């Protein structure tokens, strides 16, 4: 391990790290938006839309992100739709993550016992009040572990962005290895920066899971 090489590569990896985090967080945010909308549509069984969301979930959960990125980045221009590599990464990650978020949130909503709804309605609450004040908070608490796992999964999936020429962490590592053959140093920095990106998410997720269990069960 050459420390001089590490010092030389550190600013390059730091720049790639910032790009990876920016695209990753934007993709995760888009995934949450899609997941919430999709979960509500499926939970309330809206005609036609519910089936469309179900088809979307099955399609994106059963195809690799790499294939989706290739279609968006290389396929859409054939139809006259051109987007930048960064937007492609955000959209691809958001669509993949949205399919997982949809099912996680929907499972949380459906896990709330029916008696909770019946009890709230019997106390004079409206259906909208029941959903917002009774069902939604419990559903969120139940969904937290799955949502945290999805976020970590999506951030790790950013490693395939190099396939569409994004100067992310993986692209930088492969590029430097190919040019200068400093494999050990490049892979070491790659592992370090991915750990720096994912450890805080895992830590915050663990806290969120504990707090959600405390609110649910009071222990």
Protein backbone atom coordinates (compact mmCIF):
# COMPACT_ATOMS: atom_id res chain seq x y z
CA UNK A 1 0.00 0.00 0.00
CA UNK A 2 1.61 3.23 -1.20
CA UNK A 3 0.55 6.16 1.00
CA UNK A 4 1.71 8.65 -1.62
CA UNK A 5 -0.70 7.13 -4.14
CA UNK A 6 -3.49 7.29 -1.54
CA UNK A 7 -2.83 10.99 -0.96
CA UNK A 8 -2.78 11.63 -4.70
CA UNK A 9 -6.02 9.73 -5.33
CA UNK A 10 -7.91 11.04 -2.30
CA UNK A 11 -9.18 14.31 -3.92
CA UNK A 12 -10.24 12.39 -7.05
CA UNK A 13 -12.24 9.90 -5.01
CA UNK A 14 -13.70 12.69 -2.87
CA UNK A 15 -15.08 14.39 -5.99
CA UNK A 16 -16.52 11.10 -7.22
CA UNK A 17 -17.97 10.49 -3.74
CA UNK A 18 -19.87 13.78 -3.79
CA UNK A 19 -21.34 12.98 -7.21
CA UNK A 20 -22.33 9.48 -6.08
CA UNK A 21 -23.99 10.80 -2.91
CA UNK A 22 -25.82 13.56 -4.82
CA UNK A 23 -27.27 11.17 -7.39
CA UNK A 24 -27.93 8.49 -4.78
CA UNK A 25 -29.87 10.77 -2.44
CA UNK A 26 -31.85 12.31 -5.31
CA UNK A 27 -32.74 8.82 -6.54
CA UNK A 28 -33.78 7.73 -3.04
CA UNK A 29 -35.96 10.84 -2.65
CA UNK A 30 -37.65 10.09 -5.98
CA UNK A 31 -38.12 6.47 -4.89
CA UNK A 32 -39.91 7.60 -1.72
CA UNK A 33 -42.27 9.84 -3.69
CA UNK A 34 -43.09 7.06 -6.15
CA UNK A 35 -43.38 4.52 -3.34
CA UNK A 36 -45.84 6.59 -1.33
CA UNK A 37 -48.04 7.29 -4.35
CA UNK A 38 -47.88 3.68 -5.52
CA UNK A 39 -48.63 2.29 -2.05
CA UNK A 40 -51.66 4.56 -1.60
CA UNK A 41 -53.01 3.62 -5.03
CA UNK A 42 -52.68 -0.09 -4.30
CA UNK A 43 -53.96 0.21 -0.73
CA UNK A 44 -57.12 2.05 -1.79
CA UNK A 45 -57.46 -0.24 -4.84
CA UNK A 46 -58.09 2.59 -7.29
CA UNK A 47 -59.54 1.20 -10.54
CA UNK A 48 -57.05 0.73 -13.41
CA UNK A 49 -54.33 2.66 -11.56
CA UNK A 50 -53.92 -0.17 -9.06
CA UNK A 51 -53.27 -2.68 -11.85
CA UNK A 52 -50.89 -0.27 -13.57
CA UNK A 53 -48.89 0.14 -10.36
CA UNK A 54 -48.84 -3.62 -9.85
CA UNK A 55 -47.43 -4.08 -13.36
CA UNK A 56 -44.82 -1.37 -12.74
CA UNK A 57 -43.72 -3.01 -9.49
CA UNK A 58 -43.37 -6.43 -11.12
CA UNK A 59 -41.45 -5.01 -14.08
CA UNK A 60 -38.90 -3.00 -12.12
CA UNK A 61 -38.41 -5.47 -9.29
CA UNK A 62 -37.63 -8.25 -11.76
CA UNK A 63 -35.18 -6.46 -14.05
CA UNK A 64 -31.63 -5.39 -13.11
CA UNK A 65 -30.88 -1.70 -12.63
CA UNK A 66 -28.15 -1.99 -15.25
CA UNK A 67 -30.68 -3.04 -17.90
CA UNK A 68 -33.00 -0.20 -16.88
CA UNK A 69 -30.17 2.34 -17.13
CA UNK A 70 -29.19 1.06 -20.57
CA UNK A 71 -32.77 1.41 -21.76
CA UNK A 72 -33.13 4.94 -20.38
CA UNK A 73 -29.70 6.19 -21.48
CA UNK A 74 -29.27 4.40 -24.81
CA UNK A 75 -32.82 3.36 -25.73
CA UNK A 76 -34.79 6.55 -25.17
CA UNK A 77 -32.62 8.68 -27.52
CA UNK A 78 -33.74 6.41 -30.34
CA UNK A 79 -37.26 7.67 -29.64
CA UNK A 80 -36.05 11.27 -29.52
CA UNK A 81 -35.80 11.55 -25.72
CA UNK A 82 -32.33 12.56 -24.58
CA UNK A 83 -31.32 13.05 -20.95
CA UNK A 84 -27.99 13.51 -19.22
CA UNK A 85 -26.17 10.66 -17.49
CA UNK A 86 -26.90 12.23 -14.07
CA UNK A 87 -30.64 12.49 -14.71
CA UNK A 88 -30.60 8.95 -16.09
CA UNK A 89 -29.00 7.71 -12.87
CA UNK A 90 -31.53 9.54 -10.70
CA UNK A 91 -34.52 8.36 -12.74
CA UNK A 92 -33.27 4.78 -12.97
CA UNK A 93 -32.56 4.56 -9.25
CA UNK A 94 -35.86 6.26 -8.43
CA UNK A 95 -37.90 3.89 -10.58
CA UNK A 96 -36.18 0.80 -9.21
CA UNK A 97 -36.43 2.06 -5.63
CA UNK A 98 -40.02 3.17 -6.11
CA UNK A 99 -41.07 -0.40 -6.87
CA UNK A 100 -39.53 -1.64 -3.62
CA UNK A 101 -40.79 1.32 -1.58
CA UNK A 102 -44.31 0.78 -2.92
CA UNK A 103 -44.43 -2.77 -1.61
CA UNK A 104 -42.79 -1.90 1.72
CA UNK A 105 -45.24 0.91 2.46
CA UNK A 106 -48.23 -1.06 1.19
CA UNK A 107 -47.27 -4.00 3.42
CA UNK A 108 -47.10 -1.63 6.38
CA UNK A 109 -50.54 -0.21 5.60
CA UNK A 110 -52.11 -3.64 5.24
CA UNK A 111 -50.42 -4.90 8.42
CA UNK A 112 -52.46 -2.52 10.59
CA UNK A 113 -55.30 -4.62 12.08
CA UNK A 114 -58.79 -3.89 10.71
CA UNK A 115 -60.08 -3.54 14.26
CA UNK A 116 -58.05 -0.33 14.55
CA UNK A 117 -60.09 1.21 11.74
CA UNK A 118 -63.37 -0.12 13.11
CA UNK A 119 -62.61 1.21 16.59
CA UNK A 120 -61.71 4.67 15.28
CA UNK A 121 -64.88 4.84 13.17
CA UNK A 122 -67.00 3.71 16.10
CA UNK A 123 -65.58 6.62 18.13
CA UNK A 124 -66.89 9.06 15.56
CA UNK A 125 -63.74 9.68 13.53
CA UNK A 126 -64.10 10.17 9.79
CA UNK A 127 -62.35 7.83 7.37
CA UNK A 128 -59.78 10.47 6.48
CA UNK A 129 -59.10 11.17 10.17
CA UNK A 130 -58.79 7.44 10.82
CA UNK A 131 -56.31 7.00 7.99
CA UNK A 132 -54.15 10.00 8.89
CA UNK A 133 -54.21 9.64 12.68
CA UNK A 134 -54.53 5.89 13.25
CA UNK A 135 -53.47 3.85 10.24
CA UNK A 136 -50.67 5.94 8.73
CA UNK A 137 -48.52 6.35 11.89
CA UNK A 138 -48.68 2.63 12.65
CA UNK A 139 -48.01 1.71 9.02
CA UNK A 140 -44.94 3.93 8.96
CA UNK A 141 -43.58 2.34 12.15
CA UNK A 142 -44.10 -1.12 10.71
CA UNK A 143 -42.44 -0.15 7.42
CA UNK A 144 -39.29 1.45 8.87
CA UNK A 145 -37.05 -1.68 8.80
CA UNK A 146 -37.93 -2.43 5.18
CA UNK A 147 -37.55 1.22 4.14
CA UNK A 148 -34.09 1.46 5.74
CA UNK A 149 -33.01 -1.75 4.02
CA UNK A 150 -34.27 -0.35 0.71
CA UNK A 151 -32.30 2.88 1.14
CA UNK A 152 -29.07 0.97 1.83
CA UNK A 153 -29.76 -1.32 -1.14
CA UNK A 154 -30.32 1.64 -3.47
CA UNK A 155 -27.17 3.45 -2.37
CA UNK A 156 -25.15 0.29 -3.02
CA UNK A 157 -26.75 0.02 -6.47
CA UNK A 158 -25.07 3.31 -7.42
CA UNK A 159 -22.02 1.17 -8.18
CA UNK A 160 -23.47 0.34 -11.63
CA UNK A 161 -23.63 4.00 -12.71
CA UNK A 162 -20.18 3.64 -14.24
CA UNK A 163 -21.86 1.73 -17.09
CA UNK A 164 -23.37 4.99 -18.38
CA UNK A 165 -20.08 6.90 -18.06
CA UNK A 166 -20.88 8.66 -14.80
CA UNK A 167 -17.71 9.63 -12.93
CA UNK A 168 -18.90 7.95 -9.75
CA UNK A 169 -16.82 5.99 -7.25
CA UNK A 170 -16.78 2.76 -9.23
CA UNK A 171 -15.96 4.50 -12.52
CA UNK A 172 -13.10 6.37 -10.82
CA UNK A 173 -11.66 3.21 -9.31
CA UNK A 174 -11.84 1.29 -12.60
CA UNK A 175 -10.38 4.23 -14.52
CA UNK A 176 -7.41 4.67 -12.20
CA UNK A 177 -6.72 0.92 -12.11
CA UNK A 178 -6.79 0.78 -15.90
CA UNK A 179 -4.47 3.76 -16.29
CA UNK A 180 -1.93 3.28 -13.52
CA UNK A 181 -2.46 -0.29 -12.23
CA UNK A 182 -2.59 0.87 -8.60
CA UNK A 183 -5.23 -1.73 -7.84
CA UNK A 184 -4.76 -2.06 -4.08
CA UNK A 185 -4.88 1.68 -3.39
CA UNK A 186 -7.87 2.26 -5.69
CA UNK A 187 -9.92 -0.58 -4.22
CA UNK A 188 -9.01 0.47 -0.68
CA UNK A 189 -10.31 4.01 -1.28
CA UNK A 190 -13.39 2.60 -3.01
CA UNK A 191 -14.24 0.51 0.06
CA UNK A 192 -13.50 3.41 2.42
CA UNK A 193 -15.75 5.87 0.61
CA UNK A 194 -18.64 3.41 0.23
CA UNK A 195 -18.33 2.66 3.95
CA UNK A 196 -18.39 6.39 4.73
CA UNK A 197 -21.54 6.71 2.64
CA UNK A 198 -23.43 3.72 4.00
CA UNK A 199 -22.46 3.58 7.70
CA UNK A 200 -24.34 6.79 8.68
CA UNK A 201 -27.45 5.51 6.87
CA UNK A 202 -27.21 2.20 8.72
CA UNK A 203 -26.69 3.98 12.05
CA UNK A 204 -29.59 6.41 11.57
CA UNK A 205 -31.74 3.53 10.33
CA UNK A 206 -31.05 1.50 13.49
CA UNK A 207 -32.09 4.45 15.65
CA UNK A 208 -35.25 4.95 13.58
CA UNK A 209 -36.14 1.26 13.93
CA UNK A 210 -35.69 1.35 17.72
CA UNK A 211 -37.76 4.51 18.06
CA UNK A 212 -40.52 3.11 15.87
CA UNK A 213 -40.66 -0.07 17.98
CA UNK A 214 -40.75 2.04 21.15
CA UNK A 215 -43.70 4.07 19.84
CA UNK A 216 -45.51 0.93 18.75
CA UNK A 217 -45.00 -1.20 21.85
CA UNK A 218 -43.80 1.27 24.49
CA UNK A 219 -40.72 -0.74 25.46
